[in-house]
């Protein structure tokens, strides 16, 4: 049981974050591993959007916006975090380093892993249950999320950095029209930005995450649209099939209508092309013990 003084400190910290508004936190206080400079593009951060205390369930998700590993789509970051807040879940938007800034794998995976570890290491401060921390991503951000879902580690118990002692294994994943394969069904631009122009076949296979699923892969919620012309629906279908074969729980929704990059849903150019994936996901999060009952 948390000590009363510790609980008070955590409550004060939470109220300060809510009062000041979300402020980005550097993943590393000094230069990040592999940094190519010290500009904004070289500094990965995590921005906490904490659920209101009266709604909070104690669960959290790290959010990886999409953008082809060349940019970060704002509507797939903050918007998701605010929706999660309405479900009582704290959202942490990750600004990870990009191929357009000269970075390549494994830098992006290192940023995502550090983000999961940081949420767990600061769980008391943010009033988070360290055993209920997931990851969420869209498009190329979904590739990054699926990479951590299949390439996590238990942490380094002997590390002097308390953050590095934490496991990077998410407790669940949400993949929105995700790039998952780097093979023929993948997204060529994302692959190039992540791996460069001439990656080895071994590296392409390693990061085609539908091929890396094991029984230890966390449960997942996936959604995609049949009409998606940018990232083929086969990415989600193949990942779900591999989860099934490994005995990992999942929920998969394939909606007929909708272009790529819909975010929370709807298409201003065509209101008929809309799906309510958030309703389905909210129900799944409740069953997973993350959302409000």
C-alpha atoms as a PDB file:
ATOM      1  CA  UNK A   1       0.000   0.000   0.000  1.00  0.00           C
ATOM      2  CA  UNK A   2       1.311   3.466  -0.939  1.00  0.00           C
ATOM      3  CA  UNK A   3       2.468   5.594   2.005  1.00  0.00           C
ATOM      4  CA  UNK A   4       0.079   8.555   2.650  1.00  0.00           C
ATOM      5  CA  UNK A   5       2.857  11.122   2.092  1.00  0.00           C
ATOM      6  CA  UNK A   6       3.825   9.411  -1.166  1.00  0.00           C
ATOM      7  CA  UNK A   7       0.195   9.393  -2.271  1.00  0.00           C
ATOM      8  CA  UNK A   8      -0.142  13.098  -1.474  1.00  0.00           C
ATOM      9  CA  UNK A   9       3.016  13.872  -3.451  1.00  0.00           C
ATOM     10  CA  UNK A  10       1.690  11.912  -6.417  1.00  0.00           C
ATOM     11  CA  UNK A  11      -1.658  13.702  -6.252  1.00  0.00           C
ATOM     12  CA  UNK A  12       0.034  17.099  -6.151  1.00  0.00           C
ATOM     13  CA  UNK A  13       2.197  16.151  -9.132  1.00  0.00           C
ATOM     14  CA  UNK A  14      -0.860  15.020 -11.078  1.00  0.00           C
ATOM     15  CA  UNK A  15      -2.775  18.208 -10.310  1.00  0.00           C
ATOM     16  CA  UNK A  16       0.237  20.312 -11.365  1.00  0.00           C
ATOM     17  CA  UNK A  17       0.413  18.527 -14.727  1.00  0.00           C
ATOM     18  CA  UNK A  18      -3.323  18.997 -15.250  1.00  0.00           C
ATOM     19  CA  UNK A  19      -3.163  22.664 -14.253  1.00  0.00           C
ATOM     20  CA  UNK A  20      -0.137  23.553 -16.396  1.00  0.00           C
ATOM     21  CA  UNK A  21      -1.158  21.480 -19.381  1.00  0.00           C
ATOM     22  CA  UNK A  22       0.903  18.667 -20.895  1.00  0.00           C
ATOM     23  CA  UNK A  23       4.623  19.446 -21.104  1.00  0.00           C
ATOM     24  CA  UNK A  24       7.071  17.242 -23.016  1.00  0.00           C
ATOM     25  CA  UNK A  25       9.595  15.284 -20.967  1.00  0.00           C
ATOM     26  CA  UNK A  26      12.953  14.350 -22.450  1.00  0.00           C
ATOM     27  CA  UNK A  27      13.438  10.594 -22.601  1.00  0.00           C
ATOM     28  CA  UNK A  28      17.081  11.076 -21.627  1.00  0.00           C
ATOM     29  CA  UNK A  29      18.233  14.046 -19.558  1.00  0.00           C
ATOM     30  CA  UNK A  30      21.487  14.157 -21.534  1.00  0.00           C
ATOM     31  CA  UNK A  31      21.889  13.502 -25.256  1.00  0.00           C
ATOM     32  CA  UNK A  32      19.888  10.494 -26.414  1.00  0.00           C
ATOM     33  CA  UNK A  33      21.885   7.425 -27.493  1.00  0.00           C
ATOM     34  CA  UNK A  34      22.890   7.788 -31.133  1.00  0.00           C
ATOM     35  CA  UNK A  35      21.943  11.485 -31.293  1.00  0.00           C
ATOM     36  CA  UNK A  36      23.177  13.213 -34.462  1.00  0.00           C
ATOM     37  CA  UNK A  37      22.899  16.680 -32.951  1.00  0.00           C
ATOM     38  CA  UNK A  38      21.095  18.686 -30.304  1.00  0.00           C
ATOM     39  CA  UNK A  39      18.259  20.231 -32.292  1.00  0.00           C
ATOM     40  CA  UNK A  40      14.615  19.491 -31.575  1.00  0.00           C
ATOM     41  CA  UNK A  41      14.619  16.672 -34.135  1.00  0.00           C
ATOM     42  CA  UNK A  42      17.398  14.966 -32.165  1.00  0.00           C
ATOM     43  CA  UNK A  43      15.605  15.035 -28.802  1.00  0.00           C
ATOM     44  CA  UNK A  44      12.947  12.344 -28.284  1.00  0.00           C
ATOM     45  CA  UNK A  45      10.271  13.282 -25.774  1.00  0.00           C
ATOM     46  CA  UNK A  46       7.173  11.959 -24.070  1.00  0.00           C
ATOM     47  CA  UNK A  47       4.199  14.260 -23.438  1.00  0.00           C
ATOM     48  CA  UNK A  48       1.856  13.089 -20.643  1.00  0.00           C
ATOM     49  CA  UNK A  49      -1.885  13.609 -20.996  1.00  0.00           C
ATOM     50  CA  UNK A  50      -3.064  12.383 -17.618  1.00  0.00           C
ATOM     51  CA  UNK A  51      -6.631  11.245 -17.076  1.00  0.00           C
ATOM     52  CA  UNK A  52      -8.543  13.320 -14.540  1.00  0.00           C
ATOM     53  CA  UNK A  53      -8.183  11.763 -11.078  1.00  0.00           C
ATOM     54  CA  UNK A  54     -11.938  11.271 -10.729  1.00  0.00           C
ATOM     55  CA  UNK A  55     -11.994   9.258 -13.983  1.00  0.00           C
ATOM     56  CA  UNK A  56      -8.579   7.599 -13.947  1.00  0.00           C
ATOM     57  CA  UNK A  57      -8.371   3.815 -13.984  1.00  0.00           C
ATOM     58  CA  UNK A  58      -4.593   3.796 -13.471  1.00  0.00           C
ATOM     59  CA  UNK A  59      -3.955   2.422 -16.974  1.00  0.00           C
ATOM     60  CA  UNK A  60      -1.786   4.143 -19.578  1.00  0.00           C
ATOM     61  CA  UNK A  61      -0.801   3.890 -23.235  1.00  0.00           C
ATOM     62  CA  UNK A  62       2.262   5.225 -25.012  1.00  0.00           C
ATOM     63  CA  UNK A  63       1.100   6.668 -28.364  1.00  0.00           C
ATOM     64  CA  UNK A  64       3.252   6.508 -31.519  1.00  0.00           C
ATOM     65  CA  UNK A  65       1.931   8.861 -34.234  1.00  0.00           C
ATOM     66  CA  UNK A  66       2.299   7.830 -37.856  1.00  0.00           C
ATOM     67  CA  UNK A  67       3.920   9.677 -40.731  1.00  0.00           C
ATOM     68  CA  UNK A  68       6.000   7.182 -42.695  1.00  0.00           C
ATOM     69  CA  UNK A  69       8.994   7.561 -40.352  1.00  0.00           C
ATOM     70  CA  UNK A  70       9.452  10.976 -42.007  1.00  0.00           C
ATOM     71  CA  UNK A  71       7.131  13.145 -39.874  1.00  0.00           C
ATOM     72  CA  UNK A  72       4.721  12.808 -36.942  1.00  0.00           C
ATOM     73  CA  UNK A  73       0.992  13.196 -37.595  1.00  0.00           C
ATOM     74  CA  UNK A  74      -0.501  15.395 -34.878  1.00  0.00           C
ATOM     75  CA  UNK A  75      -4.018  13.982 -35.161  1.00  0.00           C
ATOM     76  CA  UNK A  76      -2.623  10.530 -34.329  1.00  0.00           C
ATOM     77  CA  UNK A  77      -1.042  11.775 -31.106  1.00  0.00           C
ATOM     78  CA  UNK A  78      -2.801  14.378 -28.985  1.00  0.00           C
ATOM     79  CA  UNK A  79      -6.262  13.503 -30.347  1.00  0.00           C
ATOM     80  CA  UNK A  80      -5.799   9.873 -29.323  1.00  0.00           C
ATOM     81  CA  UNK A  81      -4.544  10.914 -25.889  1.00  0.00           C
ATOM     82  CA  UNK A  82      -7.610  13.059 -25.240  1.00  0.00           C
ATOM     83  CA  UNK A  83      -9.902  10.221 -26.324  1.00  0.00           C
ATOM     84  CA  UNK A  84      -8.055   7.839 -23.989  1.00  0.00           C
ATOM     85  CA  UNK A  85      -8.514  10.373 -21.176  1.00  0.00           C
ATOM     86  CA  UNK A  86     -12.279  10.173 -21.717  1.00  0.00           C
ATOM     87  CA  UNK A  87     -11.960   6.427 -21.069  1.00  0.00           C
ATOM     88  CA  UNK A  88     -10.041   7.057 -17.835  1.00  0.00           C
ATOM     89  CA  UNK A  89      -6.715   6.108 -19.437  1.00  0.00           C
ATOM     90  CA  UNK A  90      -3.633   8.332 -19.408  1.00  0.00           C
ATOM     91  CA  UNK A  91      -2.008   8.847 -22.803  1.00  0.00           C
ATOM     92  CA  UNK A  92       1.682   9.557 -23.372  1.00  0.00           C
ATOM     93  CA  UNK A  93       2.503  10.916 -26.832  1.00  0.00           C
ATOM     94  CA  UNK A  94       5.933   9.866 -28.051  1.00  0.00           C
ATOM     95  CA  UNK A  95       8.059  12.126 -30.228  1.00  0.00           C
ATOM     96  CA  UNK A  96      10.495   9.609 -31.658  1.00  0.00           C
ATOM     97  CA  UNK A  97      13.385  10.266 -34.003  1.00  0.00           C
ATOM     98  CA  UNK A  98      12.800   9.958 -37.741  1.00  0.00           C
ATOM     99  CA  UNK A  99      14.414   8.715 -40.915  1.00  0.00           C
ATOM    100  CA  UNK A 100      13.957  12.147 -42.470  1.00  0.00           C
ATOM    101  CA  UNK A 101      16.360  13.472 -39.810  1.00  0.00           C
ATOM    102  CA  UNK A 102      18.966  10.832 -40.660  1.00  0.00           C
ATOM    103  CA  UNK A 103      18.020   8.179 -38.105  1.00  0.00           C
ATOM    104  CA  UNK A 104      17.682   4.473 -38.795  1.00  0.00           C
ATOM    105  CA  UNK A 105      16.719   1.356 -36.868  1.00  0.00           C
ATOM    106  CA  UNK A 106      17.293   0.612 -33.992  1.00  0.00           C
ATOM    107  CA  UNK A 107      17.037   4.262 -32.869  1.00  0.00           C
ATOM    108  CA  UNK A 108      13.236   4.399 -33.178  1.00  0.00           C
ATOM    109  CA  UNK A 109      12.790   1.135 -31.278  1.00  0.00           C
ATOM    110  CA  UNK A 110      15.123   2.457 -28.580  1.00  0.00           C
ATOM    111  CA  UNK A 111      12.970   5.575 -28.203  1.00  0.00           C
ATOM    112  CA  UNK A 112       9.763   3.526 -27.897  1.00  0.00           C
ATOM    113  CA  UNK A 113      11.310   1.129 -25.390  1.00  0.00           C
ATOM    114  CA  UNK A 114      12.620   4.026 -23.304  1.00  0.00           C
ATOM    115  CA  UNK A 115       9.145   5.573 -23.282  1.00  0.00           C
ATOM    116  CA  UNK A 116       7.549   2.389 -21.888  1.00  0.00           C
ATOM    117  CA  UNK A 117      10.268   2.132 -19.262  1.00  0.00           C
ATOM    118  CA  UNK A 118       9.855   5.784 -18.265  1.00  0.00           C
ATOM    119  CA  UNK A 119       6.097   5.467 -17.700  1.00  0.00           C
ATOM    120  CA  UNK A 120       6.729   2.476 -15.440  1.00  0.00           C
ATOM    121  CA  UNK A 121       9.618   4.151 -13.617  1.00  0.00           C
ATOM    122  CA  UNK A 122       7.506   7.250 -12.896  1.00  0.00           C
ATOM    123  CA  UNK A 123       4.296   5.337 -12.217  1.00  0.00           C
ATOM    124  CA  UNK A 124       3.904   6.674  -8.667  1.00  0.00           C
ATOM    125  CA  UNK A 125       4.357  10.277  -9.802  1.00  0.00           C
ATOM    126  CA  UNK A 126       1.831   9.906 -12.636  1.00  0.00           C
ATOM    127  CA  UNK A 127      -0.478   7.627 -10.607  1.00  0.00           C
ATOM    128  CA  UNK A 128      -0.116   4.789 -13.117  1.00  0.00           C
ATOM    129  CA  UNK A 129      -0.297   1.058 -12.512  1.00  0.00           C
ATOM    130  CA  UNK A 130       3.051  -0.186 -13.897  1.00  0.00           C
ATOM    131  CA  UNK A 131       1.358  -3.502 -14.781  1.00  0.00           C
ATOM    132  CA  UNK A 132      -1.133  -1.748 -17.064  1.00  0.00           C
ATOM    133  CA  UNK A 133       0.984   0.138 -19.583  1.00  0.00           C
ATOM    134  CA  UNK A 134       0.327  -0.486 -23.267  1.00  0.00           C
ATOM    135  CA  UNK A 135       1.380   0.934 -26.614  1.00  0.00           C
ATOM    136  CA  UNK A 136      -0.667   2.359 -29.472  1.00  0.00           C
ATOM    137  CA  UNK A 137       0.326   3.378 -32.979  1.00  0.00           C
ATOM    138  CA  UNK A 138      -1.032   4.344 -36.393  1.00  0.00           C
ATOM    139  CA  UNK A 139       0.432   3.662 -39.826  1.00  0.00           C
ATOM    140  CA  UNK A 140       4.252   3.797 -39.452  1.00  0.00           C
ATOM    141  CA  UNK A 141       3.692   4.520 -35.761  1.00  0.00           C
ATOM    142  CA  UNK A 142       1.821   1.232 -35.768  1.00  0.00           C
ATOM    143  CA  UNK A 143       4.925  -0.399 -37.170  1.00  0.00           C
ATOM    144  CA  UNK A 144       6.943   1.046 -34.316  1.00  0.00           C
ATOM    145  CA  UNK A 145       4.327  -0.148 -31.808  1.00  0.00           C
ATOM    146  CA  UNK A 146       4.265  -3.624 -33.356  1.00  0.00           C
ATOM    147  CA  UNK A 147       8.069  -3.678 -33.254  1.00  0.00           C
ATOM    148  CA  UNK A 148       8.072  -3.120 -29.509  1.00  0.00           C
ATOM    149  CA  UNK A 149       5.260  -5.660 -29.113  1.00  0.00           C
ATOM    150  CA  UNK A 150       7.564  -8.261 -30.675  1.00  0.00           C
ATOM    151  CA  UNK A 151      11.065  -7.023 -29.720  1.00  0.00           C
ATOM    152  CA  UNK A 152      10.809  -6.130 -26.015  1.00  0.00           C
ATOM    153  CA  UNK A 153      13.115  -7.043 -23.142  1.00  0.00           C
ATOM    154  CA  UNK A 154      12.907  -7.428 -19.371  1.00  0.00           C
ATOM    155  CA  UNK A 155      15.156  -4.473 -18.569  1.00  0.00           C
ATOM    156  CA  UNK A 156      18.578  -4.419 -16.941  1.00  0.00           C
ATOM    157  CA  UNK A 157      18.225  -5.085 -13.216  1.00  0.00           C
ATOM    158  CA  UNK A 158      21.833  -3.950 -12.603  1.00  0.00           C
ATOM    159  CA  UNK A 159      21.513  -0.610 -14.452  1.00  0.00           C
ATOM    160  CA  UNK A 160      22.377   2.548 -12.524  1.00  0.00           C
ATOM    161  CA  UNK A 161      19.623   4.333 -14.433  1.00  0.00           C
ATOM    162  CA  UNK A 162      16.390   3.311 -12.692  1.00  0.00           C
ATOM    163  CA  UNK A 163      14.444   3.744 -15.941  1.00  0.00           C
ATOM    164  CA  UNK A 164      16.575   1.124 -17.671  1.00  0.00           C
ATOM    165  CA  UNK A 165      15.716  -1.402 -14.963  1.00  0.00           C
ATOM    166  CA  UNK A 166      12.119  -1.501 -16.173  1.00  0.00           C
ATOM    167  CA  UNK A 167      10.705  -3.973 -18.681  1.00  0.00           C
ATOM    168  CA  UNK A 168       9.876  -2.590 -22.129  1.00  0.00           C
ATOM    169  CA  UNK A 169       7.161  -5.206 -22.736  1.00  0.00           C
ATOM    170  CA  UNK A 170       3.797  -3.508 -23.288  1.00  0.00           C
ATOM    171  CA  UNK A 171       0.852  -5.050 -21.479  1.00  0.00           C
ATOM    172  CA  UNK A 172      -1.268  -4.704 -24.632  1.00  0.00           C
ATOM    173  CA  UNK A 173      -1.206  -3.059 -28.047  1.00  0.00           C
ATOM    174  CA  UNK A 174      -3.570  -1.056 -30.250  1.00  0.00           C
ATOM    175  CA  UNK A 175      -2.632  -0.992 -33.942  1.00  0.00           C
ATOM    176  CA  UNK A 176      -4.494   1.424 -36.221  1.00  0.00           C
ATOM    177  CA  UNK A 177      -4.116   0.805 -39.988  1.00  0.00           C
ATOM    178  CA  UNK A 178      -0.575  -0.194 -39.113  1.00  0.00           C
ATOM    179  CA  UNK A 179       2.404  -0.850 -41.314  1.00  0.00           C
ATOM    180  CA  UNK A 180       3.512  -4.238 -39.987  1.00  0.00           C
ATOM    181  CA  UNK A 181       5.283  -6.050 -42.808  1.00  0.00           C
ATOM    182  CA  UNK A 182       8.334  -4.664 -44.582  1.00  0.00           C
ATOM    183  CA  UNK A 183       7.916  -7.210 -47.382  1.00  0.00           C
ATOM    184  CA  UNK A 184       5.774  -6.978 -50.546  1.00  0.00           C
ATOM    185  CA  UNK A 185       2.652  -5.956 -48.573  1.00  0.00           C
ATOM    186  CA  UNK A 186       4.486  -3.267 -46.637  1.00  0.00           C
ATOM    187  CA  UNK A 187       4.848   0.476 -47.206  1.00  0.00           C
ATOM    188  CA  UNK A 188       8.009   1.199 -49.260  1.00  0.00           C
ATOM    189  CA  UNK A 189       8.473   4.744 -47.943  1.00  0.00           C
ATOM    190  CA  UNK A 190       8.335   3.647 -44.329  1.00  0.00           C
ATOM    191  CA  UNK A 191      10.795   0.849 -45.010  1.00  0.00           C
ATOM    192  CA  UNK A 192      13.278   3.208 -46.677  1.00  0.00           C
ATOM    193  CA  UNK A 193      13.050   5.808 -43.910  1.00  0.00           C
ATOM    194  CA  UNK A 194      13.516   3.129 -41.262  1.00  0.00           C
ATOM    195  CA  UNK A 195      16.200   0.961 -42.888  1.00  0.00           C
ATOM    196  CA  UNK A 196      17.753   2.993 -45.703  1.00  0.00           C
ATOM    197  CA  UNK A 197      17.861   2.260 -49.419  1.00  0.00           C
ATOM    198  CA  UNK A 198      19.462  -1.178 -49.396  1.00  0.00           C
ATOM    199  CA  UNK A 199      18.646  -3.123 -46.210  1.00  0.00           C
ATOM    200  CA  UNK A 200      19.692  -6.729 -45.907  1.00  0.00           C
ATOM    201  CA  UNK A 201      17.025  -9.424 -46.366  1.00  0.00           C
ATOM    202  CA  UNK A 202      17.724 -10.521 -42.787  1.00  0.00           C
ATOM    203  CA  UNK A 203      16.925  -7.050 -41.419  1.00  0.00           C
ATOM    204  CA  UNK A 204      13.755  -6.775 -43.507  1.00  0.00           C
ATOM    205  CA  UNK A 205      12.620 -10.135 -42.126  1.00  0.00           C
ATOM    206  CA  UNK A 206      13.508  -9.185 -38.542  1.00  0.00           C
ATOM    207  CA  UNK A 207      11.339  -6.073 -38.724  1.00  0.00           C
ATOM    208  CA  UNK A 208       8.465  -7.680 -40.609  1.00  0.00           C
ATOM    209  CA  UNK A 209       6.720  -8.087 -37.314  1.00  0.00           C
ATOM    210  CA  UNK A 210       4.082 -10.562 -38.438  1.00  0.00           C
ATOM    211  CA  UNK A 211       7.010 -13.012 -38.583  1.00  0.00           C
ATOM    212  CA  UNK A 212       8.228 -12.240 -35.042  1.00  0.00           C
ATOM    213  CA  UNK A 213       5.186 -13.113 -32.931  1.00  0.00           C
ATOM    214  CA  UNK A 214       5.565 -15.593 -30.068  1.00  0.00           C
ATOM    215  CA  UNK A 215       3.240 -16.740 -27.262  1.00  0.00           C
ATOM    216  CA  UNK A 216       4.799 -13.931 -25.171  1.00  0.00           C
ATOM    217  CA  UNK A 217       3.501 -11.220 -27.532  1.00  0.00           C
ATOM    218  CA  UNK A 218       0.930  -9.077 -25.659  1.00  0.00           C
ATOM    219  CA  UNK A 219      -2.794  -9.060 -26.552  1.00  0.00           C
ATOM    220  CA  UNK A 220      -3.721  -6.663 -29.348  1.00  0.00           C
ATOM    221  CA  UNK A 221      -6.609  -4.692 -30.845  1.00  0.00           C
ATOM    222  CA  UNK A 222      -6.230  -4.091 -34.587  1.00  0.00           C
ATOM    223  CA  UNK A 223      -8.311  -2.167 -37.093  1.00  0.00           C
ATOM    224  CA  UNK A 224      -7.940  -1.352 -40.748  1.00  0.00           C
ATOM    225  CA  UNK A 225     -10.128  -0.444 -43.735  1.00  0.00           C
ATOM    226  CA  UNK A 226     -10.649  -2.440 -46.896  1.00  0.00           C
ATOM    227  CA  UNK A 227     -10.371   0.775 -48.931  1.00  0.00           C
ATOM    228  CA  UNK A 228      -6.951   1.742 -47.538  1.00  0.00           C
ATOM    229  CA  UNK A 229      -4.720   2.289 -50.574  1.00  0.00           C
ATOM    230  CA  UNK A 230      -1.628   3.502 -48.734  1.00  0.00           C
ATOM    231  CA  UNK A 231      -1.113   0.562 -46.355  1.00  0.00           C
ATOM    232  CA  UNK A 232      -2.634  -2.723 -47.432  1.00  0.00           C
ATOM    233  CA  UNK A 233      -5.154  -4.390 -45.159  1.00  0.00           C
ATOM    234  CA  UNK A 234      -3.017  -7.537 -45.418  1.00  0.00           C
ATOM    235  CA  UNK A 235      -0.708  -6.015 -42.798  1.00  0.00           C
ATOM    236  CA  UNK A 236      -3.384  -6.346 -40.111  1.00  0.00           C
ATOM    237  CA  UNK A 237      -4.711  -9.645 -41.452  1.00  0.00           C
ATOM    238  CA  UNK A 238      -1.287 -11.282 -41.373  1.00  0.00           C
ATOM    239  CA  UNK A 239      -0.494  -9.996 -37.891  1.00  0.00           C
ATOM    240  CA  UNK A 240      -3.830 -11.255 -36.558  1.00  0.00           C
ATOM    241  CA  UNK A 241      -3.286 -14.659 -38.182  1.00  0.00           C
ATOM    242  CA  UNK A 242       0.127 -14.943 -36.542  1.00  0.00           C
ATOM    243  CA  UNK A 243      -1.334 -13.957 -33.160  1.00  0.00           C
ATOM    244  CA  UNK A 244      -3.952 -16.668 -33.546  1.00  0.00           C
ATOM    245  CA  UNK A 245      -1.335 -19.294 -34.361  1.00  0.00           C
ATOM    246  CA  UNK A 246       0.716 -18.266 -31.324  1.00  0.00           C
ATOM    247  CA  UNK A 247      -2.314 -18.417 -29.029  1.00  0.00           C
ATOM    248  CA  UNK A 248      -2.264 -14.682 -28.293  1.00  0.00           C
ATOM    249  CA  UNK A 249      -5.603 -12.959 -27.653  1.00  0.00           C
ATOM    250  CA  UNK A 250      -6.643 -10.266 -30.114  1.00  0.00           C
ATOM    251  CA  UNK A 251      -9.587  -8.409 -31.589  1.00  0.00           C
ATOM    252  CA  UNK A 252      -9.574  -7.480 -35.282  1.00  0.00           C
ATOM    253  CA  UNK A 253     -11.930  -5.106 -37.110  1.00  0.00           C
ATOM    254  CA  UNK A 254     -11.838  -4.605 -40.877  1.00  0.00           C
ATOM    255  CA  UNK A 255     -14.166  -1.799 -41.949  1.00  0.00           C
ATOM    256  CA  UNK A 256     -15.099  -1.539 -45.596  1.00  0.00           C
ATOM    257  CA  UNK A 257     -15.115   2.241 -45.921  1.00  0.00           C
ATOM    258  CA  UNK A 258     -12.383   4.711 -45.104  1.00  0.00           C
ATOM    259  CA  UNK A 259      -9.133   6.074 -46.464  1.00  0.00           C
ATOM    260  CA  UNK A 260      -5.753   5.767 -44.810  1.00  0.00           C
ATOM    261  CA  UNK A 261      -4.891   8.048 -41.893  1.00  0.00           C
ATOM    262  CA  UNK A 262      -8.384   8.504 -40.459  1.00  0.00           C
ATOM    263  CA  UNK A 263      -7.248   8.933 -36.876  1.00  0.00           C
ATOM    264  CA  UNK A 264     -10.257   8.900 -34.575  1.00  0.00           C
ATOM    265  CA  UNK A 265     -12.519   8.239 -37.572  1.00  0.00           C
ATOM    266  CA  UNK A 266     -14.522   9.991 -40.228  1.00  0.00           C
ATOM    267  CA  UNK A 267     -13.532  11.562 -43.507  1.00  0.00           C
ATOM    268  CA  UNK A 268     -14.356  15.278 -43.927  1.00  0.00           C
ATOM    269  CA  UNK A 269     -14.198  14.816 -47.699  1.00  0.00           C
ATOM    270  CA  UNK A 270     -16.809  12.066 -47.561  1.00  0.00           C
ATOM    271  CA  UNK A 271     -18.897  11.831 -44.345  1.00  0.00           C
ATOM    272  CA  UNK A 272     -20.320   8.498 -45.497  1.00  0.00           C
ATOM    273  CA  UNK A 273     -16.880   6.964 -45.139  1.00  0.00           C
ATOM    274  CA  UNK A 274     -16.833   6.747 -41.377  1.00  0.00           C
ATOM    275  CA  UNK A 275     -16.513   4.000 -38.783  1.00  0.00           C
ATOM    276  CA  UNK A 276     -16.778   4.020 -35.032  1.00  0.00           C
ATOM    277  CA  UNK A 277     -13.672   2.038 -34.190  1.00  0.00           C
ATOM    278  CA  UNK A 278     -13.306   3.915 -30.910  1.00  0.00           C
ATOM    279  CA  UNK A 279     -16.542   2.338 -29.647  1.00  0.00           C
ATOM    280  CA  UNK A 280     -15.205  -1.138 -30.407  1.00  0.00           C
ATOM    281  CA  UNK A 281     -11.820  -0.334 -28.915  1.00  0.00           C
ATOM    282  CA  UNK A 282     -13.347   1.142 -25.752  1.00  0.00           C
ATOM    283  CA  UNK A 283     -15.261  -2.104 -25.173  1.00  0.00           C
ATOM    284  CA  UNK A 284     -12.083  -4.128 -25.673  1.00  0.00           C
ATOM    285  CA  UNK A 285     -10.131  -1.893 -23.284  1.00  0.00           C
ATOM    286  CA  UNK A 286     -12.764  -2.462 -20.607  1.00  0.00           C
ATOM    287  CA  UNK A 287     -12.460  -6.226 -21.039  1.00  0.00           C
ATOM    288  CA  UNK A 288      -8.674  -5.877 -20.789  1.00  0.00           C
ATOM    289  CA  UNK A 289      -8.980  -4.034 -17.456  1.00  0.00           C
ATOM    290  CA  UNK A 290      -7.764  -0.703 -18.881  1.00  0.00           C
ATOM    291  CA  UNK A 291     -10.961   1.284 -19.484  1.00  0.00           C
ATOM    292  CA  UNK A 292     -13.705   2.539 -17.224  1.00  0.00           C
ATOM    293  CA  UNK A 293     -16.420   0.026 -16.362  1.00  0.00           C
END
